[in-house]
Amino acid sequence: NVYFCISSYNCSMEEELNMTYLILDGNVELQKYRYLYFTIVFVVYILILCSNSTIVYLIWKQQDLHEPMYIFIAALLLNSVLLSTNIYPKLLIDFLSEKQIISFSACLFQFVTLYALICSEFLLLAAMAYDRYVAICKPLQYPTMMTRRTVCIFLTLAWLLPACQFVGLASIRANQKLCSFTLTVIFCNNSIYKLFCVTSPAVSFYGVFILLNVVACPVLFILFTYTRILIICYHSAGEVRKKAAQTCLPHLLELNETYLTLDGHLEVHKYRYLYFVIVFIVYILIICSNSTIVYLIWKQHDLHEPMYIFIAALLMNSVLLSTNIYPKLLIDFLSEKQIITKSACLFQFVALYTLVDSEFLLLSAMAYDRYVAICKPLKHPTIMKRKIVIIFLTLAWLLPASQFAGLAAMRVNQKLCSFTLKVIFCNNSIYNLFCVTSRATSLYGVFVLINLSVFPVIFIVFTYIRILIICYHSSGEVRKKAAQTCLPHLIVLMNYFFLITYDVIVVRLETDVPKTARLMLTLQFAVYNPLFNPFIYGLKMKEISKHLKKLLFRCNNADI
C-alpha cells in the first residue's frame, strides 16, 4: 500500500488515502525509447480523434445522412474515440514517468471501460446488420420498423448492457484479495484476473455469461443476418445485389462533397519539398517545445499553482492550434491540387477561431490571477482556489467552441458563389465565398468578436493598468515581480491583438493585400505564438527557467 496526499492550491486541509498500486510491466526498453514511443502514440491518438470526429461531424451536420445506417456508423466511430481515450492518455503519461504504475481502482475502471466499449462495438455492429437486413430484404417496411425510437433503443442498449454487466463484474472483484501486483501489459485488460489469489466459480460463470451475452450472441446474429441478406440477394436482381454491396461493405461508402481550392500558396509546385521540410521542422519544434514546458509544469509540484497551470493551458492551446493547421498544410505541399471539402473547411475555421479566442480568455484569466497575486497577495489562496481555476479553464475553451459552432451552423447550408480561397488554410476569408450574408449572421459575428476578443482585451488592459498603478506606489521588489510575471503575457497579447485586427480589416473590408504579404501575415497565426510562447514563458518566467535548466543539465549528464 502506498499512502499519498491530495492537496488543492494553498489548501490547509490534507487528506490521506490508502491506495493499492499495480505495476504495468509490459513496456519494451521504455527508458531508452520513451520519447519515440510518446511521439508515435501521440500522433496516432490525434489522428484517431481527428479522423473519427470529422466523420461524426459530417453525419451530424448533413441532413441527408440522418438515417439509421449513418447514425449507427457515427455511434461506432464515437465508440472508437471513447475506447482510445480510455487507453492513450494514461499510456502517454506512463511513457514520460519514471514508474509505470496505476491504482487498483483506476485499473478496474480502465478494465470495465475497455471491455464495455469493445462489447458495445459488437452490439452496434449487430444493430447495423439488422438495419441492413430490413433495408434490403424488407424495403417497404423499413420506415415503420427502423423508426427514431427503435434506433434510440438500439443505441441505449448497445452502451448500457455491457456497462451494467462489466460494472457488476468489477464490483464482485473490487474487494477480493490480491496475491500479485505486477501486470505484464501496458494497460489494464483481462490479465487483471491473474492478480487475484482465488477465483470463485460464481465469478467464472458470470464472466462466461457476459462473454456469451455481449460477444458470442451478437457475432452469431451478425453472421445469421448477413447470410440471410446474401441468400435473398442471390435470388434478386442485380440492382439489389449492388445495393447490398454498397451498404454492407463500409469501404464502399461514398459521400458527395463540395470541394474548395486553397489558392494562397506561392509557387508550391516549384518549392513543394522545401516548404514541406521547413513546415515539418517548425511543427515538430512547436510540439516538442510546448510539450516540454507542459511536462515540466505537470511534473514539478512547486509549479502546481494557478499561474503555471494557465501557462500550461496556453501552451496546450498552441499545440491544438498547430495541429488544426499543419497536418493539412503538409499534405497540401505534396499534393497536385490544394483542395479541401466545404465541411472540413468549416471545421478548420471553427477550430481555428475557437482556439484563437481561447487564448484571449486564458490571457484574461492569467491577468486576473496576476492582479490578485500582486495587488491582493494575502487573499490569493482563497480567491484563486482549484475550483475557480477549473471554471476559468472550462469557460476559456467552452465559450468560444459553442459560439463558433453556432456561427458555422448558420453557414453550413448557405449557397456558395465562389469556390476559391486566397489563403493556405480556412480562416475568416471563408465569408467571401457565400452568395449572400444575412444581417443575422453579420450581427452574430460582431457579437462573437466583441464577446470573445474585444472584452477580454479591454479587461486585460484594465487589469494591467491597475497593477502598474499599484506597483508604481510600491517597493522595487514588487515592481520587479510584476515585470517578470506580466511582461510575457503582454507580449503575447499585443501580437494576437495585431493579428485579429489584420484579420478583420483584410476579410471584412475586403482589402486588397499582395499575395506574399497575405501569406506571411496568415502564417503568423500558426507560427509566431505557438513557436515562441514556450521560449517567452520558459526564459522569462524564473521558476520555469530554473526547472528547464535542471532538465537540460540532467539530459546532458545522461548523454555523457
Protein backbone atom coordinates (compact mmCIF):
# COMPACT_ATOMS: atom_id res chain seq x y z
CA ASN A 1 0.00 0.00 0.00
CA VAL A 2 1.16 3.48 -0.89
CA TYR A 3 -0.01 6.48 1.13
CA PHE A 4 -0.30 9.72 -0.72
CA CYS A 5 -1.72 13.16 -0.09
CA ILE A 6 -4.07 15.05 -2.35
CA SER A 7 -3.95 18.81 -1.86
CA SER A 8 -5.55 21.75 -3.65
CA TYR A 9 -3.94 25.15 -4.26
CA ASN A 10 -2.77 26.57 -0.93
CA CYS A 11 -5.36 24.43 0.80
CA SER A 12 -4.83 23.99 4.52
CA MET A 13 -6.55 20.59 4.73
CA GLU A 14 -4.78 17.40 3.65
CA GLU A 15 -6.40 14.02 3.19
CA GLU A 16 -4.62 10.68 3.33
CA LEU A 17 -5.87 7.80 1.25
CA ASN A 18 -4.77 4.22 1.45
CA MET A 19 -4.28 3.04 -2.11
CA THR A 20 -3.09 -0.19 -3.67
CA TYR A 21 -0.88 0.39 -6.71
CA LEU A 22 -0.14 -2.02 -9.54
CA ILE A 23 2.94 -2.05 -11.78
CA LEU A 24 2.45 -2.08 -15.57
CA ASP A 25 5.45 -4.10 -16.76
CA GLY A 26 4.60 -4.53 -20.46
CA ASN A 27 6.76 -1.76 -21.97
CA VAL A 28 9.82 -2.77 -24.02
CA GLU A 29 13.01 -0.75 -23.32
CA LEU A 30 10.96 2.23 -22.20
CA GLN A 31 13.88 4.12 -20.64
CA LYS A 32 15.70 4.08 -23.98
CA TYR A 33 12.82 4.87 -26.35
CA ARG A 34 10.34 6.78 -24.13
CA TYR A 35 10.26 9.95 -26.29
CA LEU A 36 9.99 7.96 -29.53
CA TYR A 37 7.08 5.95 -28.07
CA PHE A 38 5.44 9.15 -26.82
CA THR A 39 5.67 10.88 -30.22
CA ILE A 40 4.33 7.88 -32.18
CA VAL A 41 1.43 7.21 -29.79
CA PHE A 42 0.57 10.93 -29.53
CA VAL A 43 0.40 11.28 -33.34
CA VAL A 44 -1.72 8.11 -33.63
CA TYR A 45 -4.08 9.37 -30.91
CA ILE A 46 -4.50 12.76 -32.62
CA LEU A 47 -5.18 11.01 -35.96
CA ILE A 48 -7.80 8.78 -34.33
CA LEU A 49 -9.54 11.77 -32.72
CA CYS A 50 -9.46 13.93 -35.85
CA SER A 51 -10.49 11.27 -38.39
CA ASN A 52 -13.33 9.83 -36.30
CA SER A 53 -14.57 13.26 -35.19
CA THR A 54 -14.61 14.51 -38.81
CA ILE A 55 -16.93 11.70 -39.97
CA VAL A 56 -19.17 12.09 -36.90
CA TYR A 57 -19.36 15.84 -37.57
CA LEU A 58 -20.26 15.18 -41.23
CA ILE A 59 -23.07 12.81 -40.28
CA TRP A 60 -24.37 15.22 -37.64
CA LYS A 61 -24.25 18.23 -39.97
CA GLN A 62 -25.68 16.78 -43.21
CA GLN A 63 -29.44 16.30 -43.04
CA ASP A 64 -29.43 13.62 -45.78
CA LEU A 65 -27.20 11.46 -43.55
CA HIS A 66 -29.69 11.43 -40.67
CA GLU A 67 -30.67 7.84 -41.41
CA PRO A 68 -30.31 4.77 -39.12
CA MET A 69 -27.34 3.33 -41.03
CA TYR A 70 -25.29 6.54 -40.77
CA ILE A 71 -26.34 7.15 -37.17
CA PHE A 72 -25.03 3.68 -36.25
CA ILE A 73 -21.79 4.47 -38.11
CA ALA A 74 -21.45 7.73 -36.12
CA ALA A 75 -22.08 5.79 -32.88
CA LEU A 76 -19.43 3.24 -33.89
CA LEU A 77 -16.86 5.98 -34.55
CA LEU A 78 -17.73 7.76 -31.31
CA ASN A 79 -17.25 4.45 -29.53
CA SER A 80 -13.76 4.23 -31.08
CA VAL A 81 -12.92 7.72 -29.76
CA LEU A 82 -14.04 6.74 -26.24
CA LEU A 83 -12.09 3.47 -26.44
CA SER A 84 -8.91 5.32 -27.49
CA THR A 85 -9.39 7.96 -24.76
CA ASN A 86 -9.62 5.16 -22.20
CA ILE A 87 -6.13 3.93 -23.17
CA TYR A 88 -3.95 6.59 -24.84
CA PRO A 89 -3.78 9.44 -22.25
CA LYS A 90 -2.62 7.06 -19.47
CA LEU A 91 -0.19 5.44 -21.91
CA LEU A 92 1.32 8.85 -22.80
CA ILE A 93 1.71 9.73 -19.12
CA ASP A 94 3.43 6.37 -18.48
CA PHE A 95 5.95 6.97 -21.27
CA LEU A 96 7.13 10.15 -19.51
CA SER A 97 7.04 8.74 -15.98
CA GLU A 98 9.84 7.02 -14.11
CA LYS A 99 7.49 4.32 -12.82
CA GLN A 100 4.59 2.85 -14.77
CA ILE A 101 2.04 2.36 -12.02
CA ILE A 102 -1.74 2.56 -11.69
CA SER A 103 -4.03 2.37 -8.67
CA PHE A 104 -6.10 -0.80 -8.34
CA SER A 105 -9.38 1.16 -8.56
CA ALA A 106 -8.19 3.05 -11.70
CA CYS A 107 -7.11 -0.27 -13.21
CA LEU A 108 -10.55 -1.79 -12.56
CA PHE A 109 -12.18 1.29 -14.11
CA GLN A 110 -9.96 1.02 -17.22
CA PHE A 111 -10.74 -2.71 -17.46
CA VAL A 112 -14.52 -2.12 -17.19
CA THR A 113 -14.47 0.75 -19.72
CA LEU A 114 -12.25 -1.16 -22.17
CA TYR A 115 -14.42 -4.28 -22.38
CA ALA A 116 -17.72 -2.38 -22.10
CA LEU A 117 -16.76 -0.35 -25.19
CA ILE A 118 -15.45 -3.41 -27.07
CA CYS A 119 -18.72 -5.26 -26.41
CA SER A 120 -20.67 -2.12 -27.36
CA GLU A 121 -18.95 -2.33 -30.73
CA PHE A 122 -20.29 -5.87 -31.24
CA LEU A 123 -23.83 -4.73 -30.32
CA LEU A 124 -23.62 -1.70 -32.62
CA LEU A 125 -22.48 -3.96 -35.48
CA ALA A 126 -25.43 -6.24 -34.69
CA ALA A 127 -27.80 -3.23 -34.88
CA MET A 128 -26.24 -2.21 -38.23
CA ALA A 129 -26.64 -5.76 -39.53
CA TYR A 130 -30.34 -5.75 -38.58
CA ASP A 131 -30.78 -2.32 -40.20
CA ARG A 132 -29.22 -3.59 -43.46
CA TYR A 133 -31.39 -6.72 -43.37
CA VAL A 134 -34.60 -4.66 -43.09
CA ALA A 135 -33.45 -2.10 -45.71
CA ILE A 136 -32.51 -4.72 -48.31
CA CYS A 137 -34.91 -7.58 -47.59
CA LYS A 138 -37.98 -5.63 -46.39
CA PRO A 139 -37.64 -2.18 -48.03
CA LEU A 140 -41.36 -1.32 -47.85
CA GLN A 141 -41.48 -1.96 -44.10
CA TYR A 142 -38.19 -0.14 -43.39
CA PRO A 143 -39.66 3.32 -42.43
CA THR A 144 -42.06 1.74 -39.92
CA MET A 145 -39.58 -0.76 -38.45
CA MET A 146 -36.49 1.45 -38.17
CA THR A 147 -38.12 4.45 -36.51
CA ARG A 148 -36.25 7.05 -34.48
CA ARG A 149 -37.46 5.40 -31.28
CA THR A 150 -36.12 1.99 -32.38
CA VAL A 151 -32.72 3.50 -33.23
CA CYS A 152 -32.56 5.23 -29.81
CA ILE A 153 -33.41 1.93 -28.06
CA PHE A 154 -30.68 0.08 -30.00
CA LEU A 155 -28.08 2.75 -29.16
CA THR A 156 -29.06 2.83 -25.49
CA LEU A 157 -28.90 -0.96 -25.18
CA ALA A 158 -25.57 -1.11 -27.07
CA TRP A 159 -23.88 1.08 -24.44
CA LEU A 160 -25.96 0.27 -21.35
CA LEU A 161 -25.96 -3.57 -21.42
CA PRO A 162 -22.15 -4.07 -21.49
CA ALA A 163 -21.59 -1.23 -18.99
CA CYS A 164 -24.03 -2.70 -16.43
CA GLN A 165 -22.66 -6.23 -16.79
CA PHE A 166 -18.99 -5.25 -16.51
CA VAL A 167 -19.71 -2.90 -13.58
CA GLY A 168 -21.28 -5.92 -11.84
CA LEU A 169 -18.17 -7.98 -12.57
CA ALA A 170 -15.89 -5.21 -11.25
CA SER A 171 -17.94 -4.80 -8.05
CA ILE A 172 -17.51 -8.52 -7.34
CA ARG A 173 -13.75 -8.22 -7.87
CA ALA A 174 -13.22 -4.86 -6.08
CA ASN A 175 -12.84 -6.28 -2.55
CA GLN A 176 -11.07 -9.55 -3.38
CA LYS A 177 -7.53 -10.12 -2.12
CA LEU A 178 -4.55 -9.68 -4.46
CA CYS A 179 -1.58 -12.07 -4.48
CA SER A 180 0.35 -10.23 -7.19
CA PHE A 181 0.85 -6.55 -8.01
CA THR A 182 2.51 -6.72 -11.43
CA LEU A 183 0.76 -6.80 -14.81
CA THR A 184 2.85 -7.77 -17.85
CA VAL A 185 0.85 -5.40 -20.07
CA ILE A 186 0.85 -1.66 -20.86
CA PHE A 187 -2.77 -1.08 -19.82
CA CYS A 188 -5.35 -2.93 -17.72
CA ASN A 189 -7.01 -5.70 -19.69
CA ASN A 190 -8.21 -9.25 -18.95
CA SER A 191 -4.83 -10.12 -17.40
CA ILE A 192 -6.05 -8.43 -14.20
CA TYR A 193 -7.60 -11.82 -13.30
CA LYS A 194 -4.08 -13.24 -12.70
CA LEU A 195 -3.57 -10.88 -9.76
CA PHE A 196 -6.29 -12.37 -7.54
CA CYS A 197 -5.48 -15.08 -5.03
CA VAL A 198 -8.71 -17.02 -5.62
CA THR A 199 -11.25 -17.02 -8.46
CA SER A 200 -14.64 -18.27 -7.30
CA PRO A 201 -16.83 -20.43 -9.61
CA ALA A 202 -19.59 -17.77 -9.42
CA VAL A 203 -17.21 -15.11 -10.86
CA SER A 204 -16.07 -17.50 -13.62
CA PHE A 205 -19.66 -18.37 -14.59
CA TYR A 206 -20.62 -14.68 -14.58
CA GLY A 207 -17.67 -13.91 -16.90
CA VAL A 208 -18.71 -16.69 -19.29
CA PHE A 209 -22.30 -15.37 -19.21
CA ILE A 210 -21.09 -11.88 -20.22
CA LEU A 211 -18.92 -13.35 -22.99
CA LEU A 212 -21.88 -15.26 -24.44
CA ASN A 213 -24.36 -12.42 -23.91
CA VAL A 214 -22.48 -9.43 -25.39
CA VAL A 215 -19.93 -11.09 -27.72
CA ALA A 216 -20.91 -14.58 -28.93
CA CYS A 217 -24.65 -13.87 -29.41
CA PRO A 218 -24.12 -10.60 -31.36
CA VAL A 219 -21.49 -12.30 -33.59
CA LEU A 220 -23.87 -15.21 -34.34
CA PHE A 221 -26.69 -12.75 -35.02
CA ILE A 222 -24.49 -10.74 -37.43
CA LEU A 223 -23.42 -13.89 -39.31
CA PHE A 224 -27.02 -15.14 -39.50
CA THR A 225 -28.30 -11.74 -40.71
CA TYR A 226 -25.70 -11.33 -43.45
CA THR A 227 -26.23 -14.95 -44.53
CA ARG A 228 -29.96 -14.14 -44.93
CA ILE A 229 -29.06 -11.00 -46.91
CA LEU A 230 -26.75 -12.96 -49.22
CA ILE A 231 -29.37 -15.67 -49.82
CA ILE A 232 -32.08 -13.13 -50.69
CA CYS A 233 -29.70 -11.08 -52.84
CA TYR A 234 -28.62 -14.21 -54.72
CA HIS A 235 -32.22 -14.70 -55.93
CA SER A 236 -32.81 -11.00 -56.61
CA ALA A 237 -31.98 -8.56 -59.40
CA GLY A 238 -28.51 -7.11 -59.92
CA GLU A 239 -29.65 -3.75 -58.54
CA VAL A 240 -30.48 -5.34 -55.18
CA ARG A 241 -27.10 -7.07 -55.05
CA LYS A 242 -25.40 -3.76 -55.87
CA LYS A 243 -27.30 -2.01 -53.05
CA ALA A 244 -26.30 -4.77 -50.62
CA ALA A 245 -22.62 -4.41 -51.55
CA GLN A 246 -22.73 -0.61 -51.22
CA THR A 247 -24.43 -0.57 -47.81
CA CYS A 248 -22.98 -3.69 -46.16
CA LEU A 249 -19.36 -3.01 -47.05
CA PRO A 250 -18.27 0.21 -45.26
CA HIS A 251 -15.24 0.76 -47.50
CA LEU A 252 -17.58 1.28 -50.49
CA LEU A 253 -19.43 4.09 -48.75
CA GLU A 254 -19.20 7.32 -50.75
CA LEU A 255 -20.06 10.86 -49.63
CA ASN A 256 -20.94 13.62 -52.06
CA GLU A 257 -18.93 16.70 -51.06
CA THR A 258 -18.32 20.24 -52.28
CA TYR A 259 -14.60 20.97 -52.68
CA LEU A 260 -12.86 24.34 -52.26
CA THR A 261 -9.50 25.38 -53.74
CA LEU A 262 -6.82 26.86 -51.45
CA ASP A 263 -5.05 29.35 -53.73
CA GLY A 264 -2.79 31.10 -51.22
CA HIS A 265 0.39 29.13 -51.94
CA LEU A 266 3.39 30.74 -53.67
CA GLU A 267 4.95 28.56 -56.41
CA VAL A 268 4.10 25.40 -54.47
CA HIS A 269 4.89 23.13 -57.44
CA LYS A 270 8.42 24.56 -57.63
CA TYR A 271 9.27 24.60 -53.90
CA ARG A 272 6.95 21.90 -52.52
CA TYR A 273 9.72 19.84 -50.84
CA LEU A 274 11.42 22.91 -49.38
CA TYR A 275 8.08 24.11 -47.94
CA PHE A 276 7.37 20.63 -46.60
CA VAL A 277 10.73 20.32 -44.81
CA ILE A 278 10.54 23.84 -43.28
CA VAL A 279 6.93 23.48 -42.09
CA PHE A 280 7.55 19.95 -40.79
CA ILE A 281 10.56 21.15 -38.74
CA VAL A 282 8.54 24.10 -37.37
CA TYR A 283 5.66 21.77 -36.44
CA ILE A 284 8.00 19.35 -34.63
CA LEU A 285 9.62 22.29 -32.79
CA ILE A 286 6.18 23.56 -31.72
CA ILE A 287 5.10 20.12 -30.46
CA CYS A 288 8.39 19.44 -28.64
CA SER A 289 8.93 22.89 -27.09
CA ASN A 290 5.34 23.33 -25.88
CA SER A 291 5.12 19.74 -24.63
CA THR A 292 8.41 20.15 -22.71
CA ILE A 293 7.11 23.15 -20.71
CA VAL A 294 3.73 21.43 -20.14
CA TYR A 295 5.59 18.32 -18.93
CA LEU A 296 7.73 20.43 -16.57
CA ILE A 297 4.67 22.13 -15.07
CA TRP A 298 2.89 18.77 -14.69
CA LYS A 299 5.94 17.05 -13.15
CA GLN A 300 7.14 19.73 -10.73
CA HIS A 301 4.85 20.08 -7.71
CA ASP A 302 6.08 23.60 -6.90
CA LEU A 303 4.68 24.69 -10.31
CA HIS A 304 1.18 23.44 -9.46
CA GLU A 305 -0.05 27.00 -8.98
CA PRO A 306 -2.77 28.86 -10.93
CA MET A 307 -0.31 30.99 -12.94
CA TYR A 308 1.67 27.99 -14.21
CA ILE A 309 -1.49 25.94 -14.83
CA PHE A 310 -2.79 28.76 -17.07
CA ILE A 311 0.57 28.82 -18.86
CA ALA A 312 0.33 25.04 -19.43
CA ALA A 313 -3.21 25.51 -20.79
CA LEU A 314 -1.97 28.28 -23.09
CA LEU A 315 0.81 26.08 -24.46
CA MET A 316 -1.56 23.13 -24.89
CA ASN A 317 -3.85 25.50 -26.77
CA SER A 318 -0.92 26.31 -29.08
CA VAL A 319 -0.35 22.60 -29.78
CA LEU A 320 -4.04 22.13 -30.67
CA LEU A 321 -3.99 25.26 -32.87
CA SER A 322 -0.93 23.98 -34.74
CA THR A 323 -2.43 20.50 -35.14
CA ASN A 324 -5.52 22.10 -36.69
CA ILE A 325 -3.36 23.68 -39.42
CA TYR A 326 -0.03 21.93 -40.00
CA PRO A 327 -1.01 18.33 -40.95
CA LYS A 328 -3.36 19.58 -43.72
CA LEU A 329 -0.71 22.08 -44.83
CA LEU A 330 1.93 19.32 -45.11
CA ILE A 331 -0.48 17.15 -47.15
CA ASP A 332 -1.19 20.10 -49.49
CA PHE A 333 2.52 20.67 -50.16
CA LEU A 334 2.83 17.12 -51.51
CA SER A 335 -0.49 17.15 -53.41
CA GLU A 336 -1.08 18.15 -57.02
CA LYS A 337 -4.19 20.13 -56.05
CA GLN A 338 -4.60 22.11 -52.83
CA ILE A 339 -8.27 21.41 -52.10
CA ILE A 340 -10.47 20.88 -49.05
CA THR A 341 -14.10 19.86 -48.59
CA LYS A 342 -16.58 22.54 -47.51
CA SER A 343 -17.43 20.70 -44.27
CA ALA A 344 -13.73 20.16 -43.42
CA CYS A 345 -13.07 23.83 -44.15
CA LEU A 346 -15.89 24.89 -41.81
CA PHE A 347 -14.50 22.56 -39.14
CA GLN A 348 -11.00 24.04 -39.54
CA PHE A 349 -12.47 27.56 -39.38
CA VAL A 350 -14.40 26.78 -36.16
CA ALA A 351 -11.39 25.05 -34.53
CA LEU A 352 -9.02 27.88 -35.56
CA TYR A 353 -11.03 30.77 -34.11
CA THR A 354 -12.18 28.75 -31.11
CA LEU A 355 -8.54 28.23 -30.14
CA VAL A 356 -7.51 31.80 -31.03
CA ASP A 357 -10.25 33.25 -28.80
CA SER A 358 -9.50 30.66 -26.11
CA GLU A 359 -6.05 32.25 -25.99
CA PHE A 360 -7.59 35.67 -25.24
CA LEU A 361 -9.73 34.18 -22.47
CA LEU A 362 -6.75 32.31 -20.99
CA LEU A 363 -4.71 35.51 -21.05
CA SER A 364 -7.64 37.24 -19.27
CA ALA A 365 -7.60 34.54 -16.59
CA MET A 366 -3.82 34.96 -16.24
CA ALA A 367 -4.20 38.75 -15.95
CA TYR A 368 -6.79 38.33 -13.19
CA ASP A 369 -4.53 35.84 -11.38
CA ARG A 370 -1.59 38.28 -11.57
CA TYR A 371 -3.78 41.13 -10.32
CA VAL A 372 -4.85 39.11 -7.28
CA ALA A 373 -1.31 37.79 -6.63
CA ILE A 374 0.36 41.21 -6.82
CA CYS A 375 -2.37 43.54 -5.51
CA LYS A 376 -4.09 41.22 -3.02
CA PRO A 377 -1.39 38.67 -2.07
CA LEU A 378 -2.98 37.65 1.24
CA LYS A 379 -6.30 36.83 -0.46
CA HIS A 380 -4.73 34.94 -3.40
CA PRO A 381 -5.02 31.43 -1.84
CA THR A 382 -8.72 31.91 -1.03
CA ILE A 383 -9.68 33.68 -4.29
CA MET A 384 -7.72 31.51 -6.77
CA LYS A 385 -8.88 28.14 -5.46
CA ARG A 386 -8.71 24.94 -7.50
CA LYS A 387 -12.44 25.20 -8.27
CA ILE A 388 -12.04 28.72 -9.68
CA VAL A 389 -9.09 27.65 -11.86
CA ILE A 390 -11.10 24.74 -13.29
CA ILE A 391 -14.07 27.06 -14.02
CA PHE A 392 -11.79 29.55 -15.82
CA LEU A 393 -10.20 26.79 -17.94
CA THR A 394 -13.58 25.26 -18.82
CA LEU A 395 -15.07 28.61 -19.84
CA ALA A 396 -11.95 29.52 -21.84
CA TRP A 397 -12.47 26.53 -24.16
CA LEU A 398 -16.24 26.02 -23.93
CA LEU A 399 -17.46 29.58 -24.64
CA PRO A 400 -15.60 30.05 -27.97
CA ALA A 401 -16.37 26.48 -29.11
CA SER A 402 -20.13 26.86 -28.56
CA GLN A 403 -20.33 30.32 -30.14
CA PHE A 404 -18.29 29.43 -33.26
CA ALA A 405 -20.18 26.14 -33.65
CA GLY A 406 -23.37 28.26 -33.73
CA LEU A 407 -21.81 30.52 -36.38
CA ALA A 408 -20.83 27.51 -38.51
CA ALA A 409 -24.33 26.01 -38.14
CA MET A 410 -25.78 29.22 -39.61
CA ARG A 411 -23.38 28.96 -42.58
CA VAL A 412 -23.39 25.24 -43.34
CA ASN A 413 -26.42 25.17 -45.68
CA GLN A 414 -25.89 28.57 -47.35
CA LYS A 415 -25.21 28.70 -51.08
CA LEU A 416 -21.67 29.30 -52.37
CA CYS A 417 -20.94 31.65 -55.28
CA SER A 418 -17.18 31.10 -55.23
CA PHE A 419 -15.04 28.02 -54.58
CA THR A 420 -11.56 29.55 -54.29
CA LEU A 421 -9.91 30.85 -51.11
CA LYS A 422 -6.86 33.12 -51.40
CA VAL A 423 -5.29 31.53 -48.32
CA ILE A 424 -3.43 28.34 -47.36
CA PHE A 425 -5.92 27.24 -44.69
CA CYS A 426 -9.54 28.08 -43.86
CA ASN A 427 -9.78 31.31 -41.93
CA ASN A 428 -12.19 34.24 -41.85
CA SER A 429 -11.93 34.62 -45.66
CA ILE A 430 -14.48 31.78 -45.96
CA TYR A 431 -17.13 34.55 -45.68
CA ASN A 432 -16.17 35.78 -49.17
CA LEU A 433 -17.41 32.52 -50.72
CA PHE A 434 -21.08 32.88 -49.80
CA CYS A 435 -23.52 34.47 -52.23
CA VAL A 436 -25.45 36.35 -49.54
CA THR A 437 -24.53 37.28 -45.98
CA SER A 438 -27.65 37.69 -43.88
CA ARG A 439 -27.97 40.52 -41.36
CA ALA A 440 -28.45 37.98 -38.55
CA THR A 441 -25.16 36.23 -39.40
CA SER A 442 -23.26 39.54 -39.53
CA LEU A 443 -24.67 40.70 -36.20
CA TYR A 444 -23.91 37.34 -34.61
CA GLY A 445 -20.33 37.54 -35.97
CA VAL A 446 -19.89 41.02 -34.46
CA PHE A 447 -21.31 39.74 -31.15
CA VAL A 448 -18.79 36.85 -31.12
CA LEU A 449 -15.92 39.23 -31.97
CA ILE A 450 -16.82 41.68 -29.19
CA ASN A 451 -17.61 38.93 -26.68
CA LEU A 452 -14.50 36.79 -27.20
CA SER A 453 -11.86 39.28 -28.40
CA VAL A 454 -12.67 42.89 -27.55
CA PHE A 455 -13.99 42.39 -24.00
CA PRO A 456 -11.07 40.14 -22.93
CA VAL A 457 -8.55 42.64 -24.35
CA ILE A 458 -10.24 45.56 -22.53
CA PHE A 459 -10.29 43.51 -19.32
CA ILE A 460 -6.59 42.60 -19.68
CA VAL A 461 -5.55 46.21 -20.38
CA PHE A 462 -7.65 47.48 -17.45
CA THR A 463 -6.18 44.80 -15.13
CA TYR A 464 -2.56 45.58 -16.07
CA ILE A 465 -3.16 49.33 -15.69
CA ARG A 466 -4.40 48.62 -12.14
CA ILE A 467 -1.29 46.50 -11.49
CA LEU A 468 1.02 49.24 -12.85
CA ILE A 469 -0.65 51.93 -10.71
CA ILE A 470 -0.29 49.84 -7.55
CA CYS A 471 3.29 48.80 -8.40
CA TYR A 472 4.25 52.45 -9.04
CA HIS A 473 3.47 53.22 -5.39
CA SER A 474 5.14 50.03 -4.10
CA SER A 475 8.70 48.88 -3.45
CA GLY A 476 11.24 47.98 -6.12
CA GLU A 477 10.86 44.27 -5.33
CA VAL A 478 7.12 44.38 -6.10
CA ARG A 479 7.78 46.22 -9.39
CA LYS A 480 10.40 43.61 -10.35
CA LYS A 481 7.99 40.75 -9.59
CA ALA A 482 5.26 42.43 -11.65
CA ALA A 483 7.61 42.91 -14.62
CA GLN A 484 8.81 39.27 -14.52
CA THR A 485 5.32 37.76 -14.47
CA CYS A 486 3.29 40.28 -16.50
CA LEU A 487 5.66 41.14 -19.37
CA PRO A 488 5.36 37.75 -21.19
CA HIS A 489 1.53 37.98 -21.09
CA LEU A 490 1.60 41.49 -22.59
CA ILE A 491 3.95 40.42 -25.42
CA VAL A 492 1.61 37.53 -26.37
CA LEU A 493 -1.48 39.76 -26.10
CA MET A 494 -0.10 42.53 -28.33
CA ASN A 495 0.86 40.05 -31.05
CA TYR A 496 -2.52 38.29 -31.01
CA PHE A 497 -4.48 41.55 -30.99
CA PHE A 498 -2.50 42.74 -34.03
CA LEU A 499 -3.32 39.51 -35.88
CA ILE A 500 -7.04 39.70 -35.09
CA THR A 501 -7.11 43.35 -36.23
CA TYR A 502 -5.44 42.40 -39.52
CA ASP A 503 -7.88 39.52 -39.99
CA VAL A 504 -10.91 41.78 -39.56
CA ILE A 505 -9.57 44.58 -41.81
CA VAL A 506 -8.49 42.32 -44.68
CA VAL A 507 -11.50 39.99 -44.74
CA ARG A 508 -14.44 42.07 -43.54
CA LEU A 509 -13.47 45.21 -45.51
CA GLU A 510 -12.22 43.07 -48.45
CA THR A 511 -8.93 44.99 -48.53
CA ASP A 512 -6.64 44.02 -51.40
CA VAL A 513 -3.34 42.75 -49.99
CA PRO A 514 -0.44 41.36 -52.11
CA LYS A 515 -0.30 37.55 -52.10
CA THR A 516 3.13 37.39 -50.40
CA ALA A 517 2.10 39.80 -47.61
CA ARG A 518 -1.19 37.93 -47.13
CA LEU A 519 0.69 34.62 -46.85
CA MET A 520 3.19 35.96 -44.32
CA LEU A 521 0.52 37.56 -42.11
CA THR A 522 -1.73 34.48 -42.31
CA LEU A 523 1.15 32.27 -41.20
CA GLN A 524 1.53 34.37 -38.03
CA PHE A 525 -1.50 32.56 -36.57
CA ALA A 526 0.24 29.23 -37.00
CA VAL A 527 3.88 30.17 -36.36
CA TYR A 528 4.57 33.11 -34.06
CA ASN A 529 2.70 32.36 -30.85
CA PRO A 530 2.82 28.52 -30.96
CA LEU A 531 6.57 28.58 -31.68
CA PHE A 532 7.69 31.44 -29.41
CA ASN A 533 5.31 31.03 -26.45
CA PRO A 534 7.46 28.26 -24.87
CA PHE A 535 10.57 30.46 -25.18
CA ILE A 536 8.77 33.55 -23.84
CA TYR A 537 7.46 31.67 -20.80
CA GLY A 538 10.42 29.31 -20.46
CA LEU A 539 13.03 32.09 -20.36
CA LYS A 540 11.08 34.96 -18.80
CA MET A 541 9.37 33.01 -16.01
CA LYS A 542 12.03 32.46 -13.34
CA GLU A 543 10.67 29.20 -11.84
CA ILE A 544 10.08 27.52 -15.22
CA SER A 545 13.51 28.62 -16.46
CA LYS A 546 15.12 27.12 -13.33
CA HIS A 547 13.47 23.72 -13.81
CA LEU A 548 14.15 23.79 -17.55
CA LYS A 549 17.88 24.29 -16.91
CA LYS A 550 17.84 21.38 -14.44
CA LEU A 551 16.13 19.16 -17.02
CA LEU A 552 18.62 20.08 -19.77
CA PHE A 553 21.57 19.68 -17.39
CA ARG A 554 20.29 16.22 -16.36
CA CYS A 555 19.90 15.20 -20.03
CA ASN A 556 23.47 16.36 -20.81
CA ASN A 557 24.85 14.37 -17.88
CA ALA A 558 22.93 11.31 -19.04
CA ASP A 559 24.43 11.64 -22.54
CA ILE A 560 27.94 11.95 -21.08
